[in-house]
N, C-alpha and C. Protein backbone atom coordinates (compact mmCIF):
# COMPACT_ATOMS: atom_id res chain seq x y z
N UNK A 1 0.85 -1.24 -0.02
CA UNK A 1 0.02 -0.01 0.00
C UNK A 1 0.91 1.22 -0.03
N UNK A 2 0.60 2.15 -0.94
CA UNK A 2 1.46 3.42 -0.91
C UNK A 2 0.98 4.33 0.21
N UNK A 3 1.83 5.38 0.43
CA UNK A 3 1.60 6.33 1.53
C UNK A 3 0.22 7.09 1.41
N UNK A 4 -0.15 7.44 0.22
CA UNK A 4 -1.36 8.16 0.01
C UNK A 4 -2.56 7.35 0.38
N UNK A 5 -2.63 6.04 -0.04
CA UNK A 5 -3.67 5.20 0.29
C UNK A 5 -3.79 4.95 1.77
N UNK A 6 -2.62 4.77 2.41
CA UNK A 6 -2.61 4.51 3.85
C UNK A 6 -3.15 5.77 4.58
N UNK A 7 -2.76 6.98 4.19
CA UNK A 7 -3.30 8.14 4.82
C UNK A 7 -4.80 8.29 4.66
N UNK A 8 -5.34 7.97 3.56
CA UNK A 8 -6.74 8.05 3.31
C UNK A 8 -7.44 7.00 4.21
N UNK A 9 -6.81 5.80 4.31
CA UNK A 9 -7.46 4.67 5.12
C UNK A 9 -7.52 5.13 6.56
N UNK A 10 -6.44 5.72 7.07
CA UNK A 10 -6.48 6.17 8.48
C UNK A 10 -7.47 7.26 8.65
N UNK A 11 -7.60 8.24 7.78
CA UNK A 11 -8.55 9.31 7.87
C UNK A 11 -9.98 8.69 7.90
N UNK A 12 -10.29 7.78 7.01
CA UNK A 12 -11.58 7.10 6.89
C UNK A 12 -11.91 6.36 8.22
N UNK A 13 -10.94 5.66 8.72
CA UNK A 13 -11.18 5.01 9.95
C UNK A 13 -11.46 5.96 11.11
N UNK A 14 -10.76 7.06 11.12
CA UNK A 14 -10.98 8.06 12.14
C UNK A 14 -12.33 8.68 12.04
N UNK A 15 -12.72 9.03 10.82
CA UNK A 15 -14.08 9.59 10.66
C UNK A 15 -15.20 8.68 11.01
N UNK A 16 -15.07 7.42 10.49
CA UNK A 16 -16.11 6.44 10.81
C UNK A 16 -16.18 6.11 12.29
N UNK A 17 -15.00 5.97 12.92
CA UNK A 17 -15.06 5.63 14.29
C UNK A 17 -15.61 6.75 15.13
N UNK A 18 -15.26 7.99 14.83
CA UNK A 18 -15.80 9.12 15.57
C UNK A 18 -17.28 9.30 15.35
N UNK A 19 -17.78 8.99 14.10
CA UNK A 19 -19.16 9.11 13.86
C UNK A 19 -20.00 8.09 14.57
N UNK A 20 -19.41 6.89 14.78
CA UNK A 20 -20.12 5.81 15.34
C UNK A 20 -20.00 5.76 16.86
N UNK A 21 -19.22 6.62 17.45
CA UNK A 21 -19.02 6.61 18.85
C UNK A 21 -19.99 7.53 19.59
N UNK A 22 -19.94 7.57 20.89
CA UNK A 22 -20.84 8.43 21.67
C UNK A 22 -20.20 9.82 21.85
N UNK A 23 -19.58 10.30 20.77
CA UNK A 23 -18.80 11.49 20.65
C UNK A 23 -18.83 12.44 21.90
N UNK A 24 -19.79 13.40 21.88
CA UNK A 24 -19.67 14.36 22.89
C UNK A 24 -19.96 13.90 24.26
N UNK A 25 -20.68 12.83 24.45
CA UNK A 25 -21.07 12.37 25.76
C UNK A 25 -19.82 11.85 26.53
N UNK A 26 -18.75 11.58 25.88
CA UNK A 26 -17.52 11.12 26.48
C UNK A 26 -16.55 12.28 27.02
N UNK A 27 -16.86 13.45 26.59
CA UNK A 27 -16.06 14.66 27.04
C UNK A 27 -16.92 15.48 27.93
N UNK A 28 -16.39 15.83 29.10
CA UNK A 28 -17.10 16.79 30.01
C UNK A 28 -16.11 17.74 30.56
N UNK A 29 -16.56 18.81 31.21
CA UNK A 29 -15.74 19.80 31.81
C UNK A 29 -16.29 20.45 33.01
N UNK A 30 -15.41 21.02 33.84
CA UNK A 30 -15.77 21.78 35.00
C UNK A 30 -14.97 23.09 34.97
N UNK A 31 -15.53 24.21 35.28
CA UNK A 31 -16.90 24.47 35.68
C UNK A 31 -17.85 24.23 34.50
N UNK A 32 -19.10 24.08 34.75
CA UNK A 32 -20.08 23.82 33.75
C UNK A 32 -20.17 24.97 32.75
N UNK A 33 -19.95 26.21 33.26
CA UNK A 33 -20.05 27.38 32.35
C UNK A 33 -18.76 28.17 32.45
N UNK A 34 -17.76 27.68 31.73
CA UNK A 34 -16.40 28.27 31.78
C UNK A 34 -16.32 29.69 31.11
N UNK A 35 -15.45 30.47 31.63
CA UNK A 35 -15.24 31.83 31.14
C UNK A 35 -13.74 31.92 30.71
N UNK A 36 -13.57 32.92 29.81
CA UNK A 36 -12.12 33.13 29.31
C UNK A 36 -11.22 33.46 30.48
N UNK A 37 -9.98 33.02 30.38
CA UNK A 37 -8.89 33.23 31.38
C UNK A 37 -9.11 32.36 32.62
N UNK A 38 -10.00 31.47 32.64
CA UNK A 38 -10.32 30.62 33.80
C UNK A 38 -9.85 29.15 33.34
N UNK A 39 -9.20 28.52 34.29
CA UNK A 39 -8.79 27.17 34.04
C UNK A 39 -10.02 26.19 33.94
N UNK A 40 -9.99 25.36 32.93
CA UNK A 40 -11.09 24.48 32.73
C UNK A 40 -10.52 23.05 32.88
N UNK A 41 -11.17 22.19 33.62
CA UNK A 41 -10.72 20.78 33.75
C UNK A 41 -11.63 19.92 32.84
N UNK A 42 -11.03 19.35 31.87
CA UNK A 42 -11.70 18.44 30.92
C UNK A 42 -11.47 16.97 31.36
N UNK A 43 -12.50 16.15 31.13
CA UNK A 43 -12.44 14.74 31.43
C UNK A 43 -12.91 13.96 30.23
N UNK A 44 -12.26 12.88 30.02
CA UNK A 44 -12.55 11.94 28.91
C UNK A 44 -12.98 10.58 29.46
N UNK A 45 -14.25 10.12 29.26
CA UNK A 45 -14.72 8.91 29.86
C UNK A 45 -15.43 8.14 28.77
N UNK A 46 -14.66 7.44 27.86
CA UNK A 46 -15.31 6.71 26.79
C UNK A 46 -15.87 5.39 27.24
N UNK A 47 -16.75 4.78 26.49
CA UNK A 47 -17.20 3.43 26.82
C UNK A 47 -15.95 2.55 26.97
N UNK A 48 -15.96 1.62 27.86
CA UNK A 48 -14.80 0.73 28.08
C UNK A 48 -14.45 -0.04 26.81
N UNK A 49 -15.35 -0.39 26.00
CA UNK A 49 -15.08 -1.11 24.75
C UNK A 49 -14.34 -0.27 23.71
N UNK A 50 -14.33 1.02 23.86
CA UNK A 50 -13.73 1.91 22.81
C UNK A 50 -12.22 2.13 23.03
N UNK A 51 -11.67 1.76 24.15
CA UNK A 51 -10.27 2.07 24.36
C UNK A 51 -9.47 0.88 24.85
N UNK A 52 -8.37 0.59 24.10
CA UNK A 52 -7.51 -0.46 24.53
C UNK A 52 -6.07 0.07 24.84
N UNK A 53 -5.83 1.25 24.42
CA UNK A 53 -4.56 1.95 24.70
C UNK A 53 -4.82 3.20 25.49
N UNK A 54 -3.85 3.59 26.33
CA UNK A 54 -4.20 4.72 27.23
C UNK A 54 -3.61 6.09 26.70
N UNK A 55 -3.04 6.11 25.55
CA UNK A 55 -2.55 7.42 25.02
C UNK A 55 -3.66 8.19 24.51
N UNK A 56 -3.88 9.41 24.94
CA UNK A 56 -4.95 10.20 24.52
C UNK A 56 -4.41 11.55 23.97
N UNK A 57 -4.87 12.06 22.87
CA UNK A 57 -4.44 13.34 22.28
C UNK A 57 -5.59 14.32 22.41
N UNK A 58 -5.34 15.43 23.09
CA UNK A 58 -6.32 16.46 23.30
C UNK A 58 -6.10 17.64 22.41
N UNK A 59 -7.07 18.09 21.64
CA UNK A 59 -6.97 19.32 20.84
C UNK A 59 -8.07 20.25 21.35
N UNK A 60 -7.71 21.36 21.77
CA UNK A 60 -8.73 22.22 22.46
C UNK A 60 -9.38 23.22 21.45
N UNK A 61 -9.04 23.17 20.20
CA UNK A 61 -9.68 23.95 19.20
C UNK A 61 -9.37 25.46 19.12
N UNK A 62 -8.38 25.86 19.88
CA UNK A 62 -8.05 27.29 19.96
C UNK A 62 -6.70 27.64 19.34
N UNK A 63 -6.14 26.66 18.64
CA UNK A 63 -4.76 26.90 17.98
C UNK A 63 -3.65 26.62 18.84
N UNK A 64 -3.85 26.31 20.13
CA UNK A 64 -2.77 25.91 20.98
C UNK A 64 -2.26 24.48 20.59
N UNK A 65 -1.04 24.16 21.05
CA UNK A 65 -0.51 22.86 20.77
C UNK A 65 -1.37 21.75 21.43
N UNK A 66 -1.68 20.73 20.64
CA UNK A 66 -2.45 19.57 21.27
C UNK A 66 -1.58 18.88 22.35
N UNK A 67 -2.27 18.36 23.32
CA UNK A 67 -1.59 17.68 24.45
C UNK A 67 -1.73 16.21 24.21
N UNK A 68 -0.64 15.46 24.31
CA UNK A 68 -0.71 14.05 24.22
C UNK A 68 -0.30 13.49 25.57
N UNK A 69 -1.09 12.69 26.20
CA UNK A 69 -0.88 12.17 27.54
C UNK A 69 -1.59 10.87 27.73
N UNK A 70 -1.29 10.28 28.86
CA UNK A 70 -1.99 9.10 29.21
C UNK A 70 -3.12 9.43 30.17
N UNK A 71 -3.23 10.68 30.55
CA UNK A 71 -4.25 11.09 31.50
C UNK A 71 -5.60 11.31 30.80
N UNK A 72 -6.65 10.96 31.45
CA UNK A 72 -8.01 11.13 30.90
C UNK A 72 -8.63 12.41 31.44
N UNK A 73 -7.88 13.15 32.30
CA UNK A 73 -8.32 14.46 32.84
C UNK A 73 -7.13 15.43 32.64
N UNK A 74 -7.48 16.57 31.99
CA UNK A 74 -6.47 17.63 31.71
C UNK A 74 -7.09 18.93 32.01
N UNK A 75 -6.21 20.00 32.12
CA UNK A 75 -6.74 21.42 32.35
C UNK A 75 -6.26 22.22 31.08
N UNK A 76 -7.06 23.26 30.83
CA UNK A 76 -6.70 24.17 29.76
C UNK A 76 -7.31 25.50 30.02
N UNK A 77 -6.69 26.56 29.61
CA UNK A 77 -7.24 27.92 29.78
C UNK A 77 -7.37 28.55 28.40
N UNK A 78 -8.58 29.05 28.15
CA UNK A 78 -8.82 29.72 26.93
C UNK A 78 -8.62 31.25 27.09
N UNK A 79 -7.92 31.86 26.22
CA UNK A 79 -7.60 33.29 26.42
C UNK A 79 -8.73 34.21 25.97
N UNK A 80 -9.69 33.74 25.23
CA UNK A 80 -10.80 34.55 24.78
C UNK A 80 -12.06 33.75 24.72
N UNK A 81 -13.18 34.51 24.72
CA UNK A 81 -14.49 33.88 24.64
C UNK A 81 -14.75 33.32 23.24
N UNK A 82 -15.73 32.42 23.09
CA UNK A 82 -16.07 31.82 21.80
C UNK A 82 -16.54 30.42 21.99
N UNK A 83 -16.85 29.77 20.88
CA UNK A 83 -17.21 28.32 20.82
C UNK A 83 -15.99 27.56 20.26
N UNK A 84 -15.55 26.60 21.00
CA UNK A 84 -14.39 25.82 20.58
C UNK A 84 -14.75 24.34 20.42
N UNK A 85 -14.14 23.68 19.49
CA UNK A 85 -14.35 22.25 19.29
C UNK A 85 -13.23 21.52 19.95
N UNK A 86 -13.60 20.80 21.03
CA UNK A 86 -12.63 20.00 21.79
C UNK A 86 -12.62 18.59 21.10
N UNK A 87 -11.43 18.10 20.79
CA UNK A 87 -11.28 16.81 20.13
C UNK A 87 -10.35 15.97 20.89
N UNK A 88 -10.82 14.72 21.23
CA UNK A 88 -10.02 13.75 21.89
C UNK A 88 -9.81 12.55 20.94
N UNK A 89 -8.56 12.12 20.71
CA UNK A 89 -8.25 11.00 19.85
C UNK A 89 -7.56 9.92 20.62
N UNK A 90 -8.07 8.71 20.53
CA UNK A 90 -7.40 7.55 21.16
C UNK A 90 -7.49 6.34 20.21
N UNK A 91 -7.07 5.24 20.55
CA UNK A 91 -7.11 4.04 19.67
C UNK A 91 -7.81 2.90 20.31
N UNK A 92 -8.32 2.05 19.43
CA UNK A 92 -8.85 0.74 19.77
C UNK A 92 -8.24 -0.22 18.78
N UNK A 93 -7.23 -0.91 19.30
CA UNK A 93 -6.43 -1.84 18.36
C UNK A 93 -5.78 -0.93 17.29
N UNK A 94 -6.10 -1.22 16.04
CA UNK A 94 -5.52 -0.35 14.93
C UNK A 94 -6.48 0.72 14.53
N UNK A 95 -7.64 0.85 15.12
CA UNK A 95 -8.59 1.91 14.83
C UNK A 95 -8.29 3.17 15.54
N UNK A 96 -8.42 4.30 14.90
CA UNK A 96 -8.31 5.59 15.56
C UNK A 96 -9.64 6.09 15.83
N UNK A 97 -9.96 6.37 17.09
CA UNK A 97 -11.24 6.85 17.53
C UNK A 97 -11.13 8.37 17.90
N UNK A 98 -12.07 9.13 17.36
CA UNK A 98 -12.10 10.58 17.58
C UNK A 98 -13.45 10.99 18.21
N UNK A 99 -13.38 11.70 19.30
CA UNK A 99 -14.58 12.19 19.99
C UNK A 99 -14.52 13.70 19.90
N UNK A 100 -15.58 14.38 19.63
CA UNK A 100 -15.60 15.86 19.56
C UNK A 100 -16.85 16.41 20.25
N UNK A 101 -16.57 17.48 20.94
CA UNK A 101 -17.69 18.24 21.62
C UNK A 101 -17.33 19.69 21.63
N UNK A 102 -18.37 20.50 21.47
CA UNK A 102 -18.18 21.99 21.47
C UNK A 102 -18.31 22.55 22.82
N UNK A 103 -17.46 23.45 23.25
CA UNK A 103 -17.51 24.09 24.56
C UNK A 103 -17.69 25.58 24.34
N UNK A 104 -18.60 26.20 25.01
CA UNK A 104 -18.83 27.63 24.90
C UNK A 104 -18.10 28.33 26.06
N UNK A 105 -17.24 29.19 25.73
CA UNK A 105 -16.44 29.97 26.65
C UNK A 105 -17.04 31.41 26.74
N UNK A 106 -17.47 31.77 27.87
CA UNK A 106 -18.07 33.14 28.02
C UNK A 106 -16.97 34.16 28.24
N UNK A 107 -17.26 35.45 28.00
CA UNK A 107 -16.26 36.51 28.29
C UNK A 107 -15.89 36.50 29.77
N UNK A 108 -14.65 36.67 30.00
CA UNK A 108 -14.09 36.78 31.39
C UNK A 108 -14.27 38.21 31.95
N UNK A 109 -13.81 38.32 33.12
CA UNK A 109 -13.80 39.64 33.81
C UNK A 109 -12.78 40.57 33.10
N UNK A 110 -13.25 41.66 32.48
CA UNK A 110 -12.34 42.54 31.76
C UNK A 110 -11.23 43.11 32.63
N UNK A 111 -11.47 43.16 33.99
CA UNK A 111 -10.43 43.74 34.91
C UNK A 111 -9.43 42.65 35.32
N UNK A 112 -9.60 41.46 34.88
CA UNK A 112 -8.71 40.33 35.20
C UNK A 112 -8.13 39.71 33.94
N UNK A 113 -7.02 40.30 33.45
CA UNK A 113 -6.40 39.77 32.19
C UNK A 113 -5.85 38.35 32.47
N UNK A 114 -5.68 37.59 31.39
CA UNK A 114 -5.12 36.24 31.49
C UNK A 114 -3.62 36.35 31.91
């Protein structure tokens, strides 16, 4: 298999796996109504059948570097308000599973810069 076909196969697996998973229900955060410049704690709790490896990649949707960790709970601070797409990627055997959920970040206190 050449590299182009392999890349397409991986992308298709990721899209199919993400679409068939419980996507947003597996990602949660605290506080429930986060604001800009406030630390948010994200948790990833997939169905047990979806994960066989513990490496998780977190993309917070704000242009920051994704975090790759074995932790299923991480913290992140958004510097501005908006709607961000949080994406968690993990594996089940050779399948790549992607979970996505949107988080709404409200404006922070203008007198408290990040």
